[in-house]
Amino acid sequence: MQTLFRKISVGILVIAATASFSAQKIDAKAKSILDAVANNYKSKKNVYFKFVYGTGTGQKVTKTEPGIFYSADDQYKLKIMGTEQIFDGNKIYNISAEDQEVTVAKPTVGEQMFSPLNYIEEYKKGYNVNYIGKRSVNGVNADYIKLTPAKSKGIKEVRIYVNGPKKQLVKIEQFSADNNVSVIAIQDYRENQNLSSSMFSFNKDNYKNYLITEL
């Protein structure tokens, strides 16, 4: 989870898997909640949500950007900061309307694609996990779970807020050792929609005036 909210050069969120299997302490209640959320997401044909991505320092978020996310199985579409990213299960397409440019690449070894499941299953990779209690988050009486690295990874802690009855993520906060904070607040969650068959496909014909670079 070290780069959980890292923005790569095109402004897209990616997680780099940094497994560390040192001794962990995992609270049984926290594990039960996170596993229930993971199983809930996995049981759906597809999911959609709007989210707000925030960054700042200390405990204060000073900049926010709205985004939307669709996923089905291992495919997804993400839009944020004027950039669209499509993962068709094989390649990643980063599309910038401002630059009229598309970059195409296969995910590198060790990378996981942007997905809610990454956040709630990352606890298995070297984090101490504790159930803290209930917190009011965006009008939801959420379960608050804190993750701290069992071995230093540049991350001080990650806070996950879950809507227990609905088994859905509400908010994720990451606090870095360099005093930076990153936040994803999930809004307008929907599931099992009738999505277009081309939702997760890239069609070159739609980008005839774009520079397309395959890495």
N, C-alpha and C. Protein backbone atom coordinates (compact mmCIF):
# COMPACT_ATOMS: atom_id res chain seq x y z
N MET A 1 0.83 -1.21 0.00
CA MET A 1 0.00 0.00 0.00
C MET A 1 0.86 1.25 0.00
N GLN A 2 2.14 1.09 -0.19
CA GLN A 2 3.05 2.23 -0.07
C GLN A 2 2.69 3.35 -1.03
N THR A 3 2.28 3.02 -2.24
CA THR A 3 1.92 4.06 -3.19
C THR A 3 0.43 4.00 -3.49
N LEU A 4 -0.34 3.77 -2.46
CA LEU A 4 -1.78 3.57 -2.61
C LEU A 4 -2.44 4.69 -3.38
N PHE A 5 -2.07 5.93 -3.11
CA PHE A 5 -2.71 7.05 -3.76
C PHE A 5 -1.73 7.81 -4.66
N ARG A 6 -0.70 7.13 -5.13
CA ARG A 6 0.30 7.79 -5.98
C ARG A 6 -0.31 8.20 -7.32
N LYS A 7 -0.01 9.43 -7.75
CA LYS A 7 -0.41 9.88 -9.07
C LYS A 7 0.76 9.71 -10.02
N ILE A 8 0.62 8.84 -11.01
CA ILE A 8 1.69 8.69 -11.98
C ILE A 8 1.62 9.84 -12.97
N SER A 9 2.52 9.87 -13.93
CA SER A 9 2.70 11.07 -14.75
C SER A 9 1.44 11.52 -15.46
N VAL A 10 0.54 10.60 -15.77
CA VAL A 10 -0.68 11.01 -16.45
C VAL A 10 -1.81 11.31 -15.47
N GLY A 11 -1.49 11.31 -14.19
CA GLY A 11 -2.49 11.69 -13.20
C GLY A 11 -3.45 10.59 -12.84
N ILE A 12 -3.04 9.33 -12.94
CA ILE A 12 -3.92 8.22 -12.65
C ILE A 12 -3.45 7.51 -11.38
N LEU A 13 -4.38 6.94 -10.66
CA LEU A 13 -4.06 6.27 -9.41
C LEU A 13 -3.73 4.81 -9.66
N VAL A 14 -2.63 4.37 -9.10
CA VAL A 14 -2.21 2.98 -9.24
C VAL A 14 -1.68 2.51 -7.90
N ILE A 15 -1.81 1.24 -7.63
CA ILE A 15 -1.22 0.67 -6.42
C ILE A 15 -0.04 -0.19 -6.82
N ALA A 16 1.10 -0.01 -6.16
CA ALA A 16 2.22 -0.91 -6.36
C ALA A 16 2.23 -1.90 -5.22
N ALA A 17 2.17 -3.18 -5.58
CA ALA A 17 2.14 -4.21 -4.54
C ALA A 17 3.51 -4.31 -3.92
N THR A 18 3.58 -4.12 -2.61
CA THR A 18 4.86 -4.19 -1.90
C THR A 18 4.70 -5.14 -0.73
N ALA A 19 4.56 -6.41 -1.04
CA ALA A 19 4.29 -7.41 -0.02
C ALA A 19 5.42 -7.48 0.99
N SER A 20 5.03 -7.53 2.25
CA SER A 20 6.01 -7.67 3.32
C SER A 20 5.38 -8.58 4.36
N PHE A 21 5.92 -9.77 4.49
CA PHE A 21 5.27 -10.76 5.32
C PHE A 21 5.94 -10.89 6.69
N SER A 22 6.28 -9.74 7.27
CA SER A 22 6.78 -9.75 8.63
C SER A 22 5.61 -10.01 9.58
N ALA A 23 5.91 -10.20 10.85
CA ALA A 23 4.88 -10.55 11.82
C ALA A 23 3.78 -9.49 11.84
N GLN A 24 2.55 -9.94 11.72
CA GLN A 24 1.41 -9.05 11.70
C GLN A 24 0.50 -9.32 12.90
N LYS A 25 -0.21 -8.28 13.29
CA LYS A 25 -1.27 -8.40 14.29
C LYS A 25 -2.56 -7.94 13.64
N ILE A 26 -3.46 -8.87 13.42
CA ILE A 26 -4.70 -8.56 12.72
C ILE A 26 -5.88 -8.82 13.65
N ASP A 27 -6.58 -7.75 13.96
CA ASP A 27 -7.76 -7.82 14.81
C ASP A 27 -8.86 -8.63 14.11
N ALA A 28 -9.44 -9.58 14.82
CA ALA A 28 -10.44 -10.48 14.23
C ALA A 28 -11.66 -9.73 13.70
N LYS A 29 -12.12 -8.71 14.43
CA LYS A 29 -13.30 -7.96 13.99
C LYS A 29 -12.99 -7.16 12.73
N ALA A 30 -11.82 -6.53 12.69
CA ALA A 30 -11.43 -5.77 11.51
C ALA A 30 -11.31 -6.69 10.30
N LYS A 31 -10.70 -7.85 10.48
CA LYS A 31 -10.55 -8.82 9.39
C LYS A 31 -11.91 -9.26 8.88
N SER A 32 -12.82 -9.52 9.78
CA SER A 32 -14.16 -9.96 9.38
C SER A 32 -14.87 -8.91 8.53
N ILE A 33 -14.73 -7.65 8.93
CA ILE A 33 -15.38 -6.55 8.19
C ILE A 33 -14.75 -6.39 6.80
N LEU A 34 -13.43 -6.38 6.73
CA LEU A 34 -12.75 -6.21 5.45
C LEU A 34 -13.03 -7.38 4.50
N ASP A 35 -13.03 -8.58 5.04
CA ASP A 35 -13.32 -9.75 4.20
C ASP A 35 -14.75 -9.72 3.68
N ALA A 36 -15.68 -9.25 4.51
CA ALA A 36 -17.08 -9.15 4.08
C ALA A 36 -17.23 -8.15 2.94
N VAL A 37 -16.50 -7.03 3.03
CA VAL A 37 -16.54 -6.03 1.96
C VAL A 37 -15.94 -6.61 0.67
N ALA A 38 -14.81 -7.29 0.79
CA ALA A 38 -14.17 -7.89 -0.39
C ALA A 38 -15.10 -8.90 -1.05
N ASN A 39 -15.72 -9.76 -0.27
CA ASN A 39 -16.62 -10.77 -0.82
C ASN A 39 -17.84 -10.11 -1.47
N ASN A 40 -18.29 -9.00 -0.91
CA ASN A 40 -19.44 -8.29 -1.47
C ASN A 40 -19.09 -7.74 -2.86
N TYR A 41 -17.93 -7.08 -2.98
CA TYR A 41 -17.52 -6.55 -4.28
C TYR A 41 -17.35 -7.67 -5.31
N LYS A 42 -16.73 -8.76 -4.88
CA LYS A 42 -16.46 -9.86 -5.81
C LYS A 42 -17.73 -10.53 -6.32
N SER A 43 -18.80 -10.43 -5.55
CA SER A 43 -20.05 -11.10 -5.93
C SER A 43 -20.85 -10.31 -6.98
N LYS A 44 -20.45 -9.07 -7.27
CA LYS A 44 -21.21 -8.22 -8.18
C LYS A 44 -20.76 -8.38 -9.64
N LYS A 45 -21.72 -8.26 -10.55
CA LYS A 45 -21.41 -8.31 -11.98
C LYS A 45 -20.55 -7.12 -12.38
N ASN A 46 -20.85 -5.96 -11.83
CA ASN A 46 -20.05 -4.75 -12.06
C ASN A 46 -20.36 -3.76 -10.95
N VAL A 47 -19.48 -2.78 -10.79
CA VAL A 47 -19.70 -1.73 -9.80
C VAL A 47 -19.35 -0.38 -10.42
N TYR A 48 -19.96 0.66 -9.87
CA TYR A 48 -19.71 2.04 -10.31
C TYR A 48 -19.76 2.93 -9.08
N PHE A 49 -18.88 3.93 -9.04
CA PHE A 49 -19.03 4.95 -8.01
C PHE A 49 -18.34 6.23 -8.43
N LYS A 50 -18.85 7.33 -7.92
CA LYS A 50 -18.15 8.60 -7.99
C LYS A 50 -17.27 8.68 -6.75
N PHE A 51 -16.18 9.41 -6.85
CA PHE A 51 -15.33 9.60 -5.68
C PHE A 51 -14.67 10.97 -5.75
N VAL A 52 -14.19 11.41 -4.60
CA VAL A 52 -13.40 12.63 -4.52
C VAL A 52 -12.02 12.24 -4.01
N TYR A 53 -11.00 12.63 -4.75
CA TYR A 53 -9.61 12.35 -4.37
C TYR A 53 -9.00 13.63 -3.81
N GLY A 54 -8.55 13.58 -2.57
CA GLY A 54 -7.99 14.76 -1.92
C GLY A 54 -6.56 14.56 -1.49
N THR A 55 -5.79 15.66 -1.50
CA THR A 55 -4.40 15.61 -1.05
C THR A 55 -4.12 16.82 -0.17
N GLY A 56 -3.13 16.69 0.67
CA GLY A 56 -2.75 17.80 1.55
C GLY A 56 -1.59 17.41 2.43
N THR A 57 -1.40 18.15 3.51
CA THR A 57 -0.34 17.86 4.46
C THR A 57 -0.92 17.79 5.86
N GLY A 58 -0.21 17.06 6.73
CA GLY A 58 -0.69 16.90 8.09
C GLY A 58 -2.03 16.19 8.11
N GLN A 59 -3.00 16.79 8.75
CA GLN A 59 -4.35 16.23 8.82
C GLN A 59 -5.31 16.97 7.89
N LYS A 60 -4.78 17.88 7.07
CA LYS A 60 -5.64 18.77 6.30
C LYS A 60 -5.54 18.51 4.80
N VAL A 61 -6.70 18.30 4.16
CA VAL A 61 -6.77 18.18 2.71
C VAL A 61 -6.94 19.57 2.11
N THR A 62 -6.08 19.93 1.17
CA THR A 62 -6.11 21.28 0.59
C THR A 62 -6.49 21.29 -0.89
N LYS A 63 -6.51 20.12 -1.51
CA LYS A 63 -6.86 20.05 -2.93
C LYS A 63 -7.69 18.80 -3.18
N THR A 64 -8.77 18.95 -3.94
CA THR A 64 -9.62 17.81 -4.26
C THR A 64 -9.90 17.74 -5.75
N GLU A 65 -10.10 16.53 -6.23
CA GLU A 65 -10.45 16.29 -7.63
C GLU A 65 -11.53 15.22 -7.67
N PRO A 66 -12.62 15.46 -8.45
CA PRO A 66 -13.65 14.43 -8.57
C PRO A 66 -13.25 13.37 -9.58
N GLY A 67 -13.78 12.18 -9.42
CA GLY A 67 -13.51 11.11 -10.38
C GLY A 67 -14.66 10.13 -10.43
N ILE A 68 -14.67 9.28 -11.46
CA ILE A 68 -15.65 8.20 -11.56
C ILE A 68 -14.94 6.91 -11.91
N PHE A 69 -15.53 5.80 -11.51
CA PHE A 69 -14.89 4.51 -11.66
C PHE A 69 -15.93 3.45 -11.99
N TYR A 70 -15.66 2.66 -13.04
CA TYR A 70 -16.47 1.50 -13.39
C TYR A 70 -15.55 0.28 -13.37
N SER A 71 -16.08 -0.86 -12.94
CA SER A 71 -15.29 -2.09 -13.04
C SER A 71 -16.21 -3.29 -13.22
N ALA A 72 -15.66 -4.29 -13.89
CA ALA A 72 -16.33 -5.58 -14.07
C ALA A 72 -15.23 -6.64 -14.17
N ASP A 73 -15.25 -7.58 -13.26
CA ASP A 73 -14.18 -8.58 -13.19
C ASP A 73 -12.83 -7.86 -13.10
N ASP A 74 -11.90 -8.13 -14.03
CA ASP A 74 -10.59 -7.48 -13.95
C ASP A 74 -10.46 -6.31 -14.92
N GLN A 75 -11.57 -5.83 -15.44
CA GLN A 75 -11.57 -4.67 -16.33
C GLN A 75 -12.10 -3.44 -15.60
N TYR A 76 -11.63 -2.26 -16.02
CA TYR A 76 -12.17 -1.06 -15.40
C TYR A 76 -12.01 0.16 -16.29
N LYS A 77 -12.73 1.20 -15.96
CA LYS A 77 -12.58 2.52 -16.57
C LYS A 77 -12.56 3.54 -15.46
N LEU A 78 -11.56 4.44 -15.51
CA LEU A 78 -11.37 5.46 -14.49
C LEU A 78 -11.24 6.82 -15.16
N LYS A 79 -11.93 7.81 -14.63
CA LYS A 79 -11.79 9.19 -15.13
C LYS A 79 -11.48 10.10 -13.95
N ILE A 80 -10.37 10.84 -14.07
CA ILE A 80 -9.99 11.78 -13.02
C ILE A 80 -8.98 12.78 -13.58
N MET A 81 -9.05 14.01 -13.13
CA MET A 81 -8.10 15.05 -13.48
C MET A 81 -7.94 15.20 -14.99
N GLY A 82 -9.05 15.13 -15.72
CA GLY A 82 -9.02 15.34 -17.15
C GLY A 82 -8.43 14.20 -17.95
N THR A 83 -8.17 13.08 -17.28
CA THR A 83 -7.59 11.92 -17.95
C THR A 83 -8.48 10.71 -17.76
N GLU A 84 -8.57 9.91 -18.80
CA GLU A 84 -9.34 8.67 -18.73
C GLU A 84 -8.39 7.50 -18.84
N GLN A 85 -8.61 6.50 -18.03
CA GLN A 85 -7.80 5.29 -18.10
C GLN A 85 -8.72 4.09 -18.26
N ILE A 86 -8.39 3.24 -19.22
CA ILE A 86 -9.15 2.01 -19.47
C ILE A 86 -8.20 0.83 -19.31
N PHE A 87 -8.63 -0.16 -18.58
CA PHE A 87 -7.89 -1.42 -18.52
C PHE A 87 -8.82 -2.51 -19.05
N ASP A 88 -8.46 -3.10 -20.19
CA ASP A 88 -9.33 -4.08 -20.84
C ASP A 88 -9.04 -5.51 -20.41
N GLY A 89 -8.23 -5.64 -19.36
CA GLY A 89 -7.84 -6.97 -18.89
C GLY A 89 -6.49 -7.39 -19.40
N ASN A 90 -5.97 -6.62 -20.36
CA ASN A 90 -4.67 -6.93 -20.96
C ASN A 90 -3.75 -5.71 -20.99
N LYS A 91 -4.26 -4.59 -21.51
CA LYS A 91 -3.48 -3.38 -21.62
C LYS A 91 -4.17 -2.20 -20.94
N ILE A 92 -3.34 -1.21 -20.57
CA ILE A 92 -3.83 0.02 -19.97
C ILE A 92 -3.76 1.12 -21.01
N TYR A 93 -4.86 1.85 -21.17
CA TYR A 93 -4.93 2.96 -22.11
C TYR A 93 -5.13 4.25 -21.32
N ASN A 94 -4.14 5.14 -21.36
CA ASN A 94 -4.23 6.44 -20.71
C ASN A 94 -4.55 7.49 -21.78
N ILE A 95 -5.70 8.15 -21.65
CA ILE A 95 -6.20 9.04 -22.68
C ILE A 95 -6.29 10.46 -22.12
N SER A 96 -5.53 11.36 -22.71
CA SER A 96 -5.55 12.76 -22.30
C SER A 96 -6.18 13.61 -23.39
N ALA A 97 -7.36 14.16 -23.11
CA ALA A 97 -8.04 15.02 -24.08
C ALA A 97 -7.28 16.33 -24.26
N GLU A 98 -6.71 16.85 -23.18
CA GLU A 98 -6.00 18.12 -23.24
C GLU A 98 -4.77 18.03 -24.16
N ASP A 99 -4.03 16.94 -24.03
CA ASP A 99 -2.82 16.75 -24.84
C ASP A 99 -3.10 16.04 -26.15
N GLN A 100 -4.33 15.55 -26.30
CA GLN A 100 -4.70 14.73 -27.46
C GLN A 100 -3.68 13.61 -27.66
N GLU A 101 -3.50 12.86 -26.60
CA GLU A 101 -2.50 11.80 -26.60
C GLU A 101 -3.03 10.57 -25.89
N VAL A 102 -2.67 9.41 -26.41
CA VAL A 102 -3.00 8.13 -25.79
C VAL A 102 -1.71 7.34 -25.62
N THR A 103 -1.48 6.84 -24.41
CA THR A 103 -0.36 5.92 -24.19
C THR A 103 -0.93 4.55 -23.85
N VAL A 104 -0.30 3.54 -24.41
CA VAL A 104 -0.79 2.16 -24.26
C VAL A 104 0.34 1.33 -23.66
N ALA A 105 0.04 0.56 -22.64
CA ALA A 105 1.08 -0.26 -22.02
C ALA A 105 0.46 -1.45 -21.30
N LYS A 106 1.25 -2.48 -21.14
CA LYS A 106 0.84 -3.59 -20.30
C LYS A 106 1.27 -3.28 -18.87
N PRO A 107 0.47 -3.70 -17.89
CA PRO A 107 0.87 -3.44 -16.50
C PRO A 107 2.18 -4.14 -16.18
N THR A 108 3.04 -3.47 -15.43
CA THR A 108 4.32 -4.05 -15.08
C THR A 108 4.16 -5.05 -13.96
N VAL A 109 5.14 -5.91 -13.83
CA VAL A 109 5.12 -6.91 -12.76
C VAL A 109 5.08 -6.21 -11.42
N GLY A 110 4.20 -6.64 -10.54
CA GLY A 110 4.12 -6.04 -9.21
C GLY A 110 3.08 -4.95 -9.10
N GLU A 111 2.48 -4.55 -10.23
CA GLU A 111 1.44 -3.53 -10.17
C GLU A 111 0.07 -4.18 -10.09
N GLN A 112 -0.81 -3.56 -9.32
CA GLN A 112 -2.20 -3.94 -9.28
C GLN A 112 -2.99 -2.76 -9.83
N MET A 113 -4.08 -3.05 -10.50
CA MET A 113 -4.87 -1.98 -11.08
C MET A 113 -5.76 -1.31 -10.03
N PHE A 114 -6.19 -0.13 -10.36
CA PHE A 114 -7.05 0.64 -9.47
C PHE A 114 -8.34 -0.12 -9.21
N SER A 115 -8.60 -0.48 -7.98
CA SER A 115 -9.81 -1.21 -7.62
C SER A 115 -10.05 -1.10 -6.13
N PRO A 116 -11.31 -1.01 -5.73
CA PRO A 116 -11.60 -1.01 -4.29
C PRO A 116 -11.05 -2.24 -3.59
N LEU A 117 -11.03 -3.37 -4.30
CA LEU A 117 -10.55 -4.61 -3.69
C LEU A 117 -9.09 -4.49 -3.26
N ASN A 118 -8.31 -3.73 -3.99
CA ASN A 118 -6.91 -3.57 -3.62
C ASN A 118 -6.77 -2.96 -2.23
N TYR A 119 -7.62 -2.00 -1.93
CA TYR A 119 -7.54 -1.31 -0.65
C TYR A 119 -7.92 -2.21 0.52
N ILE A 120 -8.94 -3.02 0.31
CA ILE A 120 -9.44 -3.80 1.44
C ILE A 120 -8.75 -5.15 1.58
N GLU A 121 -7.97 -5.55 0.58
CA GLU A 121 -7.24 -6.80 0.69
C GLU A 121 -5.75 -6.58 0.94
N GLU A 122 -5.29 -5.34 0.83
CA GLU A 122 -3.88 -5.04 1.02
C GLU A 122 -3.44 -5.29 2.47
N TYR A 123 -4.41 -5.34 3.39
CA TYR A 123 -4.05 -5.55 4.79
C TYR A 123 -3.32 -6.88 4.99
N LYS A 124 -3.47 -7.81 4.07
CA LYS A 124 -2.84 -9.11 4.20
C LYS A 124 -1.33 -9.05 3.97
N LYS A 125 -0.85 -7.90 3.48
CA LYS A 125 0.54 -7.79 3.06
C LYS A 125 1.37 -6.94 4.02
N GLY A 126 1.50 -7.39 5.24
CA GLY A 126 2.44 -6.75 6.15
C GLY A 126 1.92 -5.57 6.94
N TYR A 127 0.64 -5.57 7.28
CA TYR A 127 0.07 -4.48 8.06
C TYR A 127 -0.55 -5.01 9.35
N ASN A 128 -0.36 -4.25 10.43
CA ASN A 128 -1.12 -4.49 11.65
C ASN A 128 -2.49 -3.85 11.47
N VAL A 129 -3.53 -4.57 11.84
CA VAL A 129 -4.89 -4.13 11.55
C VAL A 129 -5.70 -4.10 12.84
N ASN A 130 -6.30 -2.94 13.11
CA ASN A 130 -7.07 -2.78 14.35
C ASN A 130 -8.44 -2.16 14.08
N TYR A 131 -9.45 -2.73 14.74
CA TYR A 131 -10.78 -2.12 14.71
C TYR A 131 -10.82 -1.06 15.80
N ILE A 132 -11.10 0.20 15.39
CA ILE A 132 -11.07 1.30 16.35
C ILE A 132 -12.44 1.60 16.93
N GLY A 133 -13.47 1.51 16.10
CA GLY A 133 -14.82 1.80 16.58
C GLY A 133 -15.64 2.47 15.50
N LYS A 134 -16.71 3.13 15.91
CA LYS A 134 -17.60 3.80 14.97
C LYS A 134 -17.22 5.28 14.82
N ARG A 135 -17.36 5.78 13.60
CA ARG A 135 -17.13 7.18 13.30
C ARG A 135 -18.19 7.65 12.30
N SER A 136 -18.65 8.89 12.46
CA SER A 136 -19.58 9.46 11.50
C SER A 136 -18.79 10.00 10.32
N VAL A 137 -19.00 9.43 9.13
CA VAL A 137 -18.27 9.84 7.92
C VAL A 137 -19.29 10.07 6.80
N ASN A 138 -19.39 11.32 6.37
CA ASN A 138 -20.31 11.69 5.30
C ASN A 138 -21.73 11.18 5.55
N GLY A 139 -22.16 11.30 6.80
CA GLY A 139 -23.50 10.90 7.16
C GLY A 139 -23.68 9.42 7.42
N VAL A 140 -22.61 8.66 7.36
CA VAL A 140 -22.66 7.21 7.60
C VAL A 140 -22.01 6.89 8.94
N ASN A 141 -22.67 6.05 9.74
CA ASN A 141 -22.10 5.58 10.99
C ASN A 141 -21.15 4.43 10.64
N ALA A 142 -19.92 4.79 10.30
CA ALA A 142 -18.99 3.84 9.68
C ALA A 142 -18.10 3.13 10.69
N ASP A 143 -17.71 1.90 10.34
CA ASP A 143 -16.68 1.18 11.08
C ASP A 143 -15.31 1.73 10.68
N TYR A 144 -14.51 2.06 11.65
CA TYR A 144 -13.19 2.65 11.43
C TYR A 144 -12.13 1.60 11.72
N ILE A 145 -11.34 1.30 10.71
CA ILE A 145 -10.27 0.31 10.81
C ILE A 145 -8.94 0.98 10.49
N LYS A 146 -7.95 0.77 11.34
CA LYS A 146 -6.64 1.40 11.14
C LYS A 146 -5.60 0.36 10.78
N LEU A 147 -4.83 0.66 9.73
CA LEU A 147 -3.73 -0.18 9.30
C LEU A 147 -2.41 0.56 9.54
N THR A 148 -1.47 -0.11 10.18
CA THR A 148 -0.13 0.44 10.34
C THR A 148 0.87 -0.60 9.85
N PRO A 149 1.89 -0.17 9.11
CA PRO A 149 2.84 -1.15 8.54
C PRO A 149 3.63 -1.87 9.62
N ALA A 150 3.71 -3.20 9.49
CA ALA A 150 4.53 -3.97 10.42
C ALA A 150 6.01 -3.68 10.19
N LYS A 151 6.34 -3.24 8.99
CA LYS A 151 7.70 -2.86 8.65
C LYS A 151 7.61 -1.53 7.91
N SER A 152 8.51 -0.62 8.18
CA SER A 152 8.43 0.72 7.61
C SER A 152 8.37 0.70 6.09
N LYS A 153 7.37 1.42 5.54
CA LYS A 153 7.21 1.49 4.08
C LYS A 153 7.02 2.94 3.63
N GLY A 154 7.33 3.87 4.52
CA GLY A 154 7.09 5.27 4.18
C GLY A 154 5.67 5.70 4.49
N ILE A 155 4.87 4.79 5.01
CA ILE A 155 3.48 5.07 5.37
C ILE A 155 3.34 4.99 6.88
N LYS A 156 2.75 6.01 7.48
CA LYS A 156 2.51 5.98 8.92
C LYS A 156 1.29 5.14 9.25
N GLU A 157 0.20 5.40 8.55
CA GLU A 157 -1.02 4.62 8.78
C GLU A 157 -2.03 4.85 7.66
N VAL A 158 -2.95 3.91 7.56
CA VAL A 158 -4.07 4.01 6.62
C VAL A 158 -5.35 3.79 7.42
N ARG A 159 -6.32 4.66 7.19
CA ARG A 159 -7.60 4.55 7.86
C ARG A 159 -8.68 4.18 6.85
N ILE A 160 -9.38 3.11 7.12
CA ILE A 160 -10.44 2.64 6.23
C ILE A 160 -11.77 2.75 6.95
N TYR A 161 -12.74 3.36 6.29
CA TYR A 161 -14.08 3.53 6.86
C TYR A 161 -15.07 2.73 6.01
N VAL A 162 -15.86 1.91 6.68
CA VAL A 162 -16.74 0.95 6.00
C VAL A 162 -18.18 1.12 6.46
N ASN A 163 -19.09 1.10 5.50
CA ASN A 163 -20.52 1.00 5.81
C ASN A 163 -20.80 -0.47 6.08
N GLY A 164 -20.86 -0.84 7.36
CA GLY A 164 -20.99 -2.25 7.75
C GLY A 164 -22.21 -2.95 7.18
N PRO A 165 -23.43 -2.40 7.38
CA PRO A 165 -24.62 -3.08 6.87
C PRO A 165 -24.61 -3.29 5.36
N LYS A 166 -24.04 -2.32 4.62
CA LYS A 166 -24.01 -2.44 3.16
C LYS A 166 -22.73 -3.11 2.65
N LYS A 167 -21.76 -3.31 3.54
CA LYS A 167 -20.49 -3.94 3.19
C LYS A 167 -19.80 -3.18 2.05
N GLN A 168 -19.72 -1.85 2.22
CA GLN A 168 -19.14 -1.00 1.19
C GLN A 168 -18.13 -0.02 1.81
N LEU A 169 -17.12 0.32 1.02
CA LEU A 169 -16.17 1.34 1.44
C LEU A 169 -16.84 2.71 1.44
N VAL A 170 -16.48 3.52 2.41
CA VAL A 170 -16.97 4.89 2.49
C VAL A 170 -15.84 5.87 2.23
N LYS A 171 -14.69 5.62 2.86
CA LYS A 171 -13.59 6.56 2.76
C LYS A 171 -12.28 5.86 3.14
N ILE A 172 -11.19 6.29 2.50
CA ILE A 172 -9.85 5.79 2.82
C ILE A 172 -8.92 6.98 2.97
N GLU A 173 -8.15 6.99 4.05
CA GLU A 173 -7.18 8.05 4.30
C GLU A 173 -5.80 7.43 4.48
N GLN A 174 -4.82 7.98 3.80
CA GLN A 174 -3.45 7.51 3.95
C GLN A 174 -2.56 8.64 4.46
N PHE A 175 -1.81 8.37 5.52
CA PHE A 175 -0.90 9.35 6.11
C PHE A 175 0.53 8.85 5.92
N SER A 176 1.34 9.65 5.23
CA SER A 176 2.70 9.25 4.90
C SER A 176 3.70 9.75 5.93
N ALA A 177 4.86 9.14 5.93
CA ALA A 177 5.92 9.55 6.84
C ALA A 177 6.42 10.95 6.53
N ASP A 178 6.22 11.40 5.29
CA ASP A 178 6.66 12.75 4.90
C ASP A 178 5.60 13.81 5.18
N ASN A 179 4.58 13.43 5.98
CA ASN A 179 3.53 14.34 6.45
C ASN A 179 2.47 14.64 5.40
N ASN A 180 2.47 13.91 4.28
CA ASN A 180 1.42 14.09 3.29
C ASN A 180 0.21 13.22 3.62
N VAL A 181 -0.97 13.70 3.23
CA VAL A 181 -2.19 12.94 3.41
C VAL A 181 -2.90 12.81 2.07
N SER A 182 -3.46 11.64 1.81
CA SER A 182 -4.23 11.39 0.60
C SER A 182 -5.55 10.74 1.00
N VAL A 183 -6.62 11.14 0.36
CA VAL A 183 -7.95 10.69 0.76
C VAL A 183 -8.78 10.31 -0.47
N ILE A 184 -9.48 9.21 -0.39
CA ILE A 184 -10.51 8.89 -1.38
C ILE A 184 -11.84 8.75 -0.63
N ALA A 185 -12.80 9.59 -0.99
CA ALA A 185 -14.14 9.53 -0.41
C ALA A 185 -15.10 9.05 -1.50
N ILE A 186 -15.75 7.93 -1.26
CA ILE A 186 -16.60 7.30 -2.26
C ILE A 186 -18.02 7.82 -2.15
N GLN A 187 -18.62 8.10 -3.33
CA GLN A 187 -19.97 8.64 -3.38
C GLN A 187 -20.78 7.90 -4.45
N ASP A 188 -22.08 7.97 -4.34
CA ASP A 188 -22.99 7.49 -5.38
C ASP A 188 -22.62 6.10 -5.89
N TYR A 189 -22.59 5.14 -5.00
CA TYR A 189 -22.22 3.77 -5.36
C TYR A 189 -23.40 3.06 -6.03
N ARG A 190 -23.11 2.34 -7.13
CA ARG A 190 -24.12 1.54 -7.82
C ARG A 190 -23.50 0.21 -8.24
N GLU A 191 -24.34 -0.77 -8.47
CA GLU A 191 -23.83 -2.09 -8.83
C GLU A 191 -24.78 -2.81 -9.79
N ASN A 192 -24.25 -3.82 -10.49
CA ASN A 192 -25.02 -4.67 -11.41
C ASN A 192 -25.85 -3.87 -12.40
N GLN A 193 -25.21 -2.86 -13.02
CA GLN A 193 -25.88 -2.06 -14.04
C GLN A 193 -25.76 -2.74 -15.41
N ASN A 194 -26.61 -2.29 -16.33
CA ASN A 194 -26.52 -2.77 -17.71
C ASN A 194 -25.53 -1.88 -18.46
N LEU A 195 -24.30 -2.29 -18.50
CA LEU A 195 -23.25 -1.50 -19.12
C LEU A 195 -23.07 -1.89 -20.59
N SER A 196 -22.64 -0.94 -21.39
CA SER A 196 -22.37 -1.19 -22.80
C SER A 196 -21.27 -2.24 -22.94
N SER A 197 -21.38 -3.06 -23.98
CA SER A 197 -20.37 -4.09 -24.21
C SER A 197 -19.01 -3.49 -24.56
N SER A 198 -19.01 -2.21 -24.97
CA SER A 198 -17.76 -1.55 -25.32
C SER A 198 -17.20 -0.67 -24.19
N MET A 199 -17.79 -0.76 -23.00
CA MET A 199 -17.40 0.08 -21.87
C MET A 199 -15.90 0.00 -21.58
N PHE A 200 -15.33 -1.19 -21.68
CA PHE A 200 -13.93 -1.38 -21.30
C PHE A 200 -13.04 -1.66 -22.51
N SER A 201 -13.49 -1.17 -23.67
CA SER A 201 -12.71 -1.35 -24.90
C SER A 201 -12.16 -0.02 -25.38
N PHE A 202 -11.02 -0.08 -26.05
CA PHE A 202 -10.44 1.12 -26.66
C PHE A 202 -10.58 1.03 -28.17
N ASN A 203 -11.20 2.04 -28.77
CA ASN A 203 -11.42 2.08 -30.21
C ASN A 203 -10.58 3.19 -30.82
N LYS A 204 -9.57 2.82 -31.59
CA LYS A 204 -8.67 3.80 -32.21
C LYS A 204 -9.42 4.80 -33.09
N ASP A 205 -10.50 4.35 -33.69
CA ASP A 205 -11.24 5.22 -34.61
C ASP A 205 -11.81 6.45 -33.92
N ASN A 206 -11.97 6.37 -32.61
CA ASN A 206 -12.48 7.52 -31.86
C ASN A 206 -11.40 8.54 -31.53
N TYR A 207 -10.15 8.23 -31.87
CA TYR A 207 -9.03 9.11 -31.51
C TYR A 207 -8.10 9.33 -32.71
N LYS A 208 -8.69 9.63 -33.85
CA LYS A 208 -7.92 9.75 -35.09
C LYS A 208 -6.94 10.91 -35.05
N ASN A 209 -7.24 11.96 -34.30
CA ASN A 209 -6.36 13.13 -34.24
C ASN A 209 -5.40 13.09 -33.05
N TYR A 210 -5.38 11.96 -32.36
CA TYR A 210 -4.53 11.81 -31.18
C TYR A 210 -3.20 11.14 -31.55
N LEU A 211 -2.16 11.49 -30.79
CA LEU A 211 -0.90 10.78 -30.88
C LEU A 211 -1.03 9.53 -30.00
N ILE A 212 -0.89 8.36 -30.61
CA ILE A 212 -1.02 7.10 -29.87
C ILE A 212 0.36 6.46 -29.77
N THR A 213 0.81 6.28 -28.52
CA THR A 213 2.14 5.73 -28.27
C THR A 213 2.01 4.43 -27.50
N GLU A 214 2.60 3.37 -28.04
CA GLU A 214 2.58 2.08 -27.34
C GLU A 214 3.92 1.87 -26.68
N LEU A 215 3.92 1.74 -25.37
CA LEU A 215 5.15 1.61 -24.60
C LEU A 215 5.62 0.16 -24.53
